[in-house]
Amino acid sequence: MKTRLLLAFLILGLSITWAQTKEIKVEVIGNGEPILFLPGFTTPGSVWKETLEQLKLNNEAHLISYAGFNGIPAIETP
């Protein structure tokens, strides 16, 4: 199970790296084991910053924002 979860995160990380990176913004905060923070569709990833300050995690937080929100240009219709 742990191997599958690690593989899923690796695939997600590679797809974000190699994919059209201008459509997704990832802000990384902290160090340690990575945790992904996915916002609701219409909100920016920065919505999690207040939560992170309260939790005081010893992890690396990845705050994700989608195209069309948080100042990221919308993508063209395929």
PDB file of N, CA and C in Angstrom:
ATOM      1  N   MET A   1       0.823  -1.189   0.000  1.00  0.00           N
ATOM      2  CA  MET A   1       0.000   0.000   0.000  1.00  0.00           C
ATOM      3  C   MET A   1       0.874   1.262   0.000  1.00  0.00           C
ATOM      4  N   LYS A   2       1.913   1.240   0.833  1.00  0.00           N
ATOM      5  CA  LYS A   2       2.809   2.392   0.919  1.00  0.00           C
ATOM      6  C   LYS A   2       3.517   2.623  -0.414  1.00  0.00           C
ATOM      7  N   THR A   3       3.893   1.528  -1.079  1.00  0.00           N
ATOM      8  CA  THR A   3       4.567   1.628  -2.375  1.00  0.00           C
ATOM      9  C   THR A   3       3.627   2.212  -3.422  1.00  0.00           C
ATOM     10  N   ARG A   4       2.370   1.790  -3.409  1.00  0.00           N
ATOM     11  CA  ARG A   4       1.394   2.312  -4.362  1.00  0.00           C
ATOM     12  C   ARG A   4       1.150   3.801  -4.146  1.00  0.00           C
ATOM     13  N   LEU A   5       1.055   4.214  -2.904  1.00  0.00           N
ATOM     14  CA  LEU A   5       0.853   5.626  -2.585  1.00  0.00           C
ATOM     15  C   LEU A   5       2.055   6.451  -3.033  1.00  0.00           C
ATOM     16  N   LEU A   6       3.243   5.965  -2.771  1.00  0.00           N
ATOM     17  CA  LEU A   6       4.460   6.650  -3.202  1.00  0.00           C
ATOM     18  C   LEU A   6       4.516   6.740  -4.720  1.00  0.00           C
ATOM     19  N   LEU A   7       4.157   5.657  -5.409  1.00  0.00           N
ATOM     20  CA  LEU A   7       4.135   5.646  -6.864  1.00  0.00           C
ATOM     21  C   LEU A   7       3.113   6.652  -7.401  1.00  0.00           C
ATOM     22  N   ALA A   8       1.954   6.740  -6.760  1.00  0.00           N
ATOM     23  CA  ALA A   8       0.927   7.699  -7.189  1.00  0.00           C
ATOM     24  C   ALA A   8       1.441   9.125  -7.053  1.00  0.00           C
ATOM     25  N   PHE A   9       2.097   9.451  -5.948  1.00  0.00           N
ATOM     26  CA  PHE A   9       2.654  10.789  -5.760  1.00  0.00           C
ATOM     27  C   PHE A   9       3.773  11.067  -6.763  1.00  0.00           C
ATOM     28  N   LEU A  10       4.565  10.080  -7.058  1.00  0.00           N
ATOM     29  CA  LEU A  10       5.638  10.238  -8.044  1.00  0.00           C
ATOM     30  C   LEU A  10       5.056  10.530  -9.422  1.00  0.00           C
ATOM     31  N   ILE A  11       4.045   9.773  -9.810  1.00  0.00           N
ATOM     32  CA  ILE A  11       3.400   9.995 -11.108  1.00  0.00           C
ATOM     33  C   ILE A  11       2.755  11.377 -11.145  1.00  0.00           C
ATOM     34  N   LEU A  12       2.082  11.771 -10.078  1.00  0.00           N
ATOM     35  CA  LEU A  12       1.473  13.102 -10.014  1.00  0.00           C
ATOM     36  C   LEU A  12       2.545  14.182 -10.118  1.00  0.00           C
ATOM     37  N   GLY A  13       3.630  14.017  -9.400  1.00  0.00           N
ATOM     38  CA  GLY A  13       4.716  14.997  -9.449  1.00  0.00           C
ATOM     39  C   GLY A  13       5.328  15.111 -10.831  1.00  0.00           C
ATOM     40  N   LEU A  14       5.563  13.976 -11.468  1.00  0.00           N
ATOM     41  CA  LEU A  14       6.128  14.000 -12.817  1.00  0.00           C
ATOM     42  C   LEU A  14       5.154  14.598 -13.819  1.00  0.00           C
ATOM     43  N   SER A  15       3.882  14.278 -13.674  1.00  0.00           N
ATOM     44  CA  SER A  15       2.904  14.829 -14.616  1.00  0.00           C
ATOM     45  C   SER A  15       2.786  16.332 -14.446  1.00  0.00           C
ATOM     46  N   ILE A  16       2.899  16.830 -13.226  1.00  0.00           N
ATOM     47  CA  ILE A  16       2.869  18.272 -13.003  1.00  0.00           C
ATOM     48  C   ILE A  16       4.127  18.905 -13.588  1.00  0.00           C
ATOM     49  N   THR A  17       5.259  18.255 -13.437  1.00  0.00           N
ATOM     50  CA  THR A  17       6.516  18.783 -13.954  1.00  0.00           C
ATOM     51  C   THR A  17       6.549  18.800 -15.473  1.00  0.00           C
ATOM     52  N   TRP A  18       6.126  17.718 -16.112  1.00  0.00           N
ATOM     53  CA  TRP A  18       6.205  17.613 -17.562  1.00  0.00           C
ATOM     54  C   TRP A  18       4.971  18.136 -18.282  1.00  0.00           C
ATOM     55  N   ALA A  19       3.873  18.262 -17.569  1.00  0.00           N
ATOM     56  CA  ALA A  19       2.635  18.723 -18.196  1.00  0.00           C
ATOM     57  C   ALA A  19       2.743  20.215 -18.507  1.00  0.00           C
ATOM     58  N   GLN A  20       1.674  20.771 -18.940  1.00  0.00           N
ATOM     59  CA  GLN A  20       1.640  22.188 -19.266  1.00  0.00           C
ATOM     60  C   GLN A  20       1.653  22.972 -17.951  1.00  0.00           C
ATOM     61  N   THR A  21       2.839  23.291 -17.482  1.00  0.00           N
ATOM     62  CA  THR A  21       3.004  23.856 -16.144  1.00  0.00           C
ATOM     63  C   THR A  21       2.375  25.226 -15.961  1.00  0.00           C
ATOM     64  N   LYS A  22       2.088  25.945 -17.040  1.00  0.00           N
ATOM     65  CA  LYS A  22       1.494  27.262 -16.887  1.00  0.00           C
ATOM     66  C   LYS A  22       0.043  27.182 -16.419  1.00  0.00           C
ATOM     67  N   GLU A  23      -0.594  26.014 -16.522  1.00  0.00           N
ATOM     68  CA  GLU A  23      -1.979  25.868 -16.119  1.00  0.00           C
ATOM     69  C   GLU A  23      -2.147  25.517 -14.643  1.00  0.00           C
ATOM     70  N   ILE A  24      -1.088  25.080 -14.012  1.00  0.00           N
ATOM     71  CA  ILE A  24      -1.143  24.720 -12.595  1.00  0.00           C
ATOM     72  C   ILE A  24       0.012  25.401 -11.880  1.00  0.00           C
ATOM     73  N   LYS A  25      -0.296  26.025 -10.767  1.00  0.00           N
ATOM     74  CA  LYS A  25       0.751  26.664  -9.956  1.00  0.00           C
ATOM     75  C   LYS A  25       0.879  25.873  -8.661  1.00  0.00           C
ATOM     76  N   VAL A  26       2.098  25.504  -8.334  1.00  0.00           N
ATOM     77  CA  VAL A  26       2.361  24.775  -7.095  1.00  0.00           C
ATOM     78  C   VAL A  26       3.318  25.605  -6.253  1.00  0.00           C
ATOM     79  N   GLU A  27       2.877  25.948  -5.050  1.00  0.00           N
ATOM     80  CA  GLU A  27       3.721  26.685  -4.104  1.00  0.00           C
ATOM     81  C   GLU A  27       4.160  25.706  -3.020  1.00  0.00           C
ATOM     82  N   VAL A  28       5.456  25.591  -2.794  1.00  0.00           N
ATOM     83  CA  VAL A  28       5.994  24.645  -1.817  1.00  0.00           C
ATOM     84  C   VAL A  28       6.450  25.407  -0.576  1.00  0.00           C
ATOM     85  N   ILE A  29       5.984  24.938   0.580  1.00  0.00           N
ATOM     86  CA  ILE A  29       6.329  25.561   1.861  1.00  0.00           C
ATOM     87  C   ILE A  29       6.843  24.478   2.798  1.00  0.00           C
ATOM     88  N   GLY A  30       7.953  24.726   3.463  1.00  0.00           N
ATOM     89  CA  GLY A  30       8.470  23.818   4.482  1.00  0.00           C
ATOM     90  C   GLY A  30       9.327  22.692   3.924  1.00  0.00           C
ATOM     91  N   ASN A  31       9.705  21.783   4.825  1.00  0.00           N
ATOM     92  CA  ASN A  31      10.543  20.631   4.504  1.00  0.00           C
ATOM     93  C   ASN A  31       9.975  19.397   5.169  1.00  0.00           C
ATOM     94  N   GLY A  32      10.331  18.241   4.647  1.00  0.00           N
ATOM     95  CA  GLY A  32       9.883  16.979   5.227  1.00  0.00           C
ATOM     96  C   GLY A  32       9.063  16.184   4.232  1.00  0.00           C
ATOM     97  N   GLU A  33       8.246  15.276   4.756  1.00  0.00           N
ATOM     98  CA  GLU A  33       7.379  14.463   3.907  1.00  0.00           C
ATOM     99  C   GLU A  33       6.360  15.370   3.222  1.00  0.00           C
ATOM    100  N   PRO A  34       6.132  15.201   1.915  1.00  0.00           N
ATOM    101  CA  PRO A  34       5.210  16.084   1.203  1.00  0.00           C
ATOM    102  C   PRO A  34       3.737  15.784   1.496  1.00  0.00           C
ATOM    103  N   ILE A  35       2.956  16.846   1.574  1.00  0.00           N
ATOM    104  CA  ILE A  35       1.504  16.765   1.696  1.00  0.00           C
ATOM    105  C   ILE A  35       0.929  17.686   0.633  1.00  0.00           C
ATOM    106  N   LEU A  36      -0.037  17.183  -0.153  1.00  0.00           N
ATOM    107  CA  LEU A  36      -0.687  17.987  -1.187  1.00  0.00           C
ATOM    108  C   LEU A  36      -1.943  18.626  -0.605  1.00  0.00           C
ATOM    109  N   PHE A  37      -2.098  19.922  -0.814  1.00  0.00           N
ATOM    110  CA  PHE A  37      -3.288  20.653  -0.393  1.00  0.00           C
ATOM    111  C   PHE A  37      -4.006  21.120  -1.652  1.00  0.00           C
ATOM    112  N   LEU A  38      -5.128  20.482  -1.963  1.00  0.00           N
ATOM    113  CA  LEU A  38      -5.902  20.806  -3.152  1.00  0.00           C
ATOM    114  C   LEU A  38      -7.090  21.663  -2.733  1.00  0.00           C
ATOM    115  N   PRO A  39      -7.230  22.854  -3.322  1.00  0.00           N
ATOM    116  CA  PRO A  39      -8.345  23.719  -2.952  1.00  0.00           C
ATOM    117  C   PRO A  39      -9.612  23.307  -3.679  1.00  0.00           C
ATOM    118  N   GLY A  40     -10.720  23.932  -3.294  1.00  0.00           N
ATOM    119  CA  GLY A  40     -11.934  23.793  -4.088  1.00  0.00           C
ATOM    120  C   GLY A  40     -11.665  24.376  -5.456  1.00  0.00           C
ATOM    121  N   PHE A  41     -12.482  24.043  -6.430  1.00  0.00           N
ATOM    122  CA  PHE A  41     -12.174  24.412  -7.809  1.00  0.00           C
ATOM    123  C   PHE A  41     -12.056  25.914  -8.035  1.00  0.00           C
ATOM    124  N   THR A  42     -12.812  26.726  -7.344  1.00  0.00           N
ATOM    125  CA  THR A  42     -12.801  28.167  -7.619  1.00  0.00           C
ATOM    126  C   THR A  42     -11.954  28.963  -6.635  1.00  0.00           C
ATOM    127  N   THR A  43     -11.181  28.313  -5.807  1.00  0.00           N
ATOM    128  CA  THR A  43     -10.356  29.030  -4.833  1.00  0.00           C
ATOM    129  C   THR A  43      -8.882  28.755  -5.081  1.00  0.00           C
ATOM    130  N   PRO A  44      -8.014  29.700  -4.733  1.00  0.00           N
ATOM    131  CA  PRO A  44      -6.572  29.492  -4.924  1.00  0.00           C
ATOM    132  C   PRO A  44      -5.995  28.575  -3.845  1.00  0.00           C
ATOM    133  N   GLY A  45      -4.823  28.030  -4.123  1.00  0.00           N
ATOM    134  CA  GLY A  45      -4.150  27.171  -3.152  1.00  0.00           C
ATOM    135  C   GLY A  45      -3.752  27.909  -1.886  1.00  0.00           C
ATOM    136  N   SER A  46      -3.623  29.238  -1.982  1.00  0.00           N
ATOM    137  CA  SER A  46      -3.225  30.026  -0.808  1.00  0.00           C
ATOM    138  C   SER A  46      -4.278  30.004   0.290  1.00  0.00           C
ATOM    139  N   VAL A  47      -5.469  29.487   0.003  1.00  0.00           N
ATOM    140  CA  VAL A  47      -6.520  29.382   1.008  1.00  0.00           C
ATOM    141  C   VAL A  47      -6.051  28.504   2.185  1.00  0.00           C
ATOM    142  N   TRP A  48      -5.050  27.665   1.952  1.00  0.00           N
ATOM    143  CA  TRP A  48      -4.540  26.758   2.979  1.00  0.00           C
ATOM    144  C   TRP A  48      -3.487  27.388   3.890  1.00  0.00           C
ATOM    145  N   LYS A  49      -2.991  28.577   3.564  1.00  0.00           N
ATOM    146  CA  LYS A  49      -1.890  29.160   4.346  1.00  0.00           C
ATOM    147  C   LYS A  49      -2.252  29.357   5.813  1.00  0.00           C
ATOM    148  N   GLU A  50      -3.440  29.844   6.089  1.00  0.00           N
ATOM    149  CA  GLU A  50      -3.861  30.042   7.480  1.00  0.00           C
ATOM    150  C   GLU A  50      -3.930  28.708   8.219  1.00  0.00           C
ATOM    151  N   THR A  51      -4.405  27.687   7.547  1.00  0.00           N
ATOM    152  CA  THR A  51      -4.467  26.351   8.140  1.00  0.00           C
ATOM    153  C   THR A  51      -3.065  25.844   8.459  1.00  0.00           C
ATOM    154  N   LEU A  52      -2.137  26.045   7.540  1.00  0.00           N
ATOM    155  CA  LEU A  52      -0.757  25.599   7.763  1.00  0.00           C
ATOM    156  C   LEU A  52      -0.130  26.303   8.961  1.00  0.00           C
ATOM    157  N   GLU A  53      -0.413  27.592   9.118  1.00  0.00           N
ATOM    158  CA  GLU A  53       0.129  28.331  10.263  1.00  0.00           C
ATOM    159  C   GLU A  53      -0.402  27.770  11.571  1.00  0.00           C
ATOM    160  N   GLN A  54      -1.658  27.366  11.595  1.00  0.00           N
ATOM    161  CA  GLN A  54      -2.266  26.816  12.806  1.00  0.00           C
ATOM    162  C   GLN A  54      -1.759  25.396  13.104  1.00  0.00           C
ATOM    163  N   LEU A  55      -1.550  24.600  12.070  1.00  0.00           N
ATOM    164  CA  LEU A  55      -1.125  23.216  12.267  1.00  0.00           C
ATOM    165  C   LEU A  55       0.346  23.087  12.639  1.00  0.00           C
ATOM    166  N   LYS A  56       1.178  24.010  12.164  1.00  0.00           N
ATOM    167  CA  LYS A  56       2.624  23.965  12.429  1.00  0.00           C
ATOM    168  C   LYS A  56       3.192  22.581  12.117  1.00  0.00           C
ATOM    169  N   LEU A  57       2.972  22.156  10.882  1.00  0.00           N
ATOM    170  CA  LEU A  57       3.419  20.830  10.450  1.00  0.00           C
ATOM    171  C   LEU A  57       4.923  20.784  10.238  1.00  0.00           C
ATOM    172  N   ASN A  58       5.489  19.612  10.396  1.00  0.00           N
ATOM    173  CA  ASN A  58       6.896  19.373  10.068  1.00  0.00           C
ATOM    174  C   ASN A  58       6.966  18.650   8.726  1.00  0.00           C
ATOM    175  N   ASN A  59       6.187  19.150   7.778  1.00  0.00           N
ATOM    176  CA  ASN A  59       6.108  18.536   6.460  1.00  0.00           C
ATOM    177  C   ASN A  59       6.311  19.582   5.382  1.00  0.00           C
ATOM    178  N   GLU A  60       6.483  19.104   4.162  1.00  0.00           N
ATOM    179  CA  GLU A  60       6.567  19.973   3.002  1.00  0.00           C
ATOM    180  C   GLU A  60       5.158  20.069   2.412  1.00  0.00           C
ATOM    181  N   ALA A  61       4.591  21.261   2.420  1.00  0.00           N
ATOM    182  CA  ALA A  61       3.235  21.472   1.925  1.00  0.00           C
ATOM    183  C   ALA A  61       3.279  21.947   0.484  1.00  0.00           C
ATOM    184  N   HIS A  62       2.479  21.340  -0.374  1.00  0.00           N
ATOM    185  CA  HIS A  62       2.357  21.729  -1.775  1.00  0.00           C
ATOM    186  C   HIS A  62       0.974  22.331  -1.965  1.00  0.00           C
ATOM    187  N   LEU A  63       0.908  23.655  -2.130  1.00  0.00           N
ATOM    188  CA  LEU A  63      -0.357  24.356  -2.319  1.00  0.00           C
ATOM    189  C   LEU A  63      -0.604  24.506  -3.814  1.00  0.00           C
ATOM    190  N   ILE A  64      -1.669  23.929  -4.294  1.00  0.00           N
ATOM    191  CA  ILE A  64      -1.931  23.868  -5.728  1.00  0.00           C
ATOM    192  C   ILE A  64      -3.051  24.820  -6.107  1.00  0.00           C
ATOM    193  N   SER A  65      -2.832  25.600  -7.171  1.00  0.00           N
ATOM    194  CA  SER A  65      -3.846  26.493  -7.738  1.00  0.00           C
ATOM    195  C   SER A  65      -4.054  26.109  -9.198  1.00  0.00           C
ATOM    196  N   TYR A  66      -5.299  26.191  -9.658  1.00  0.00           N
ATOM    197  CA  TYR A  66      -5.654  25.768 -11.013  1.00  0.00           C
ATOM    198  C   TYR A  66      -5.716  26.940 -11.983  1.00  0.00           C
ATOM    199  N   ALA A  67      -5.657  26.621 -13.269  1.00  0.00           N
ATOM    200  CA  ALA A  67      -5.755  27.634 -14.328  1.00  0.00           C
ATOM    201  C   ALA A  67      -7.090  28.365 -14.234  1.00  0.00           C
ATOM    202  N   GLY A  68      -7.025  29.675 -14.478  1.00  0.00           N
ATOM    203  CA  GLY A  68      -8.231  30.488 -14.429  1.00  0.00           C
ATOM    204  C   GLY A  68      -8.495  31.086 -13.062  1.00  0.00           C
ATOM    205  N   PHE A  69      -7.694  30.744 -12.077  1.00  0.00           N
ATOM    206  CA  PHE A  69      -7.866  31.240 -10.717  1.00  0.00           C
ATOM    207  C   PHE A  69      -6.522  31.673 -10.154  1.00  0.00           C
ATOM    208  N   ASN A  70      -6.528  32.531  -9.163  1.00  0.00           N
ATOM    209  CA  ASN A  70      -5.319  32.977  -8.464  1.00  0.00           C
ATOM    210  C   ASN A  70      -4.306  33.617  -9.419  1.00  0.00           C
ATOM    211  N   GLY A  71      -4.815  34.348 -10.426  1.00  0.00           N
ATOM    212  CA  GLY A  71      -3.938  35.056 -11.354  1.00  0.00           C
ATOM    213  C   GLY A  71      -3.317  34.184 -12.426  1.00  0.00           C
ATOM    214  N   ILE A  72      -3.686  32.925 -12.503  1.00  0.00           N
ATOM    215  CA  ILE A  72      -3.168  32.034 -13.536  1.00  0.00           C
ATOM    216  C   ILE A  72      -4.107  32.137 -14.744  1.00  0.00           C
ATOM    217  N   PRO A  73      -3.571  32.402 -15.936  1.00  0.00           N
ATOM    218  CA  PRO A  73      -4.436  32.513 -17.110  1.00  0.00           C
ATOM    219  C   PRO A  73      -5.216  31.228 -17.375  1.00  0.00           C
ATOM    220  N   ALA A  74      -6.433  31.384 -17.835  1.00  0.00           N
ATOM    221  CA  ALA A  74      -7.245  30.227 -18.196  1.00  0.00           C
ATOM    222  C   ALA A  74      -6.676  29.528 -19.414  1.00  0.00           C
ATOM    223  N   ILE A  75      -6.891  28.236 -19.530  1.00  0.00           N
ATOM    224  CA  ILE A  75      -6.412  27.498 -20.697  1.00  0.00           C
ATOM    225  C   ILE A  75      -7.426  27.616 -21.830  1.00  0.00           C
ATOM    226  N   GLU A  76      -6.943  27.411 -23.040  1.00  0.00           N
ATOM    227  CA  GLU A  76      -7.827  27.429 -24.194  1.00  0.00           C
ATOM    228  C   GLU A  76      -8.645  26.146 -24.231  1.00  0.00           C
ATOM    229  N   THR A  77      -9.825  26.224 -24.801  1.00  0.00           N
ATOM    230  CA  THR A  77     -10.653  25.050 -24.940  1.00  0.00           C
ATOM    231  C   THR A  77     -10.013  24.095 -25.944  1.00  0.00           C
ATOM    232  N   PRO A  78      -9.853  22.816 -25.555  1.00  0.00           N
ATOM    233  CA  PRO A  78      -9.213  21.869 -26.474  1.00  0.00           C
ATOM    234  C   PRO A  78     -10.033  21.647 -27.731  1.00  0.00           C
TER     235      PRO A  78
END
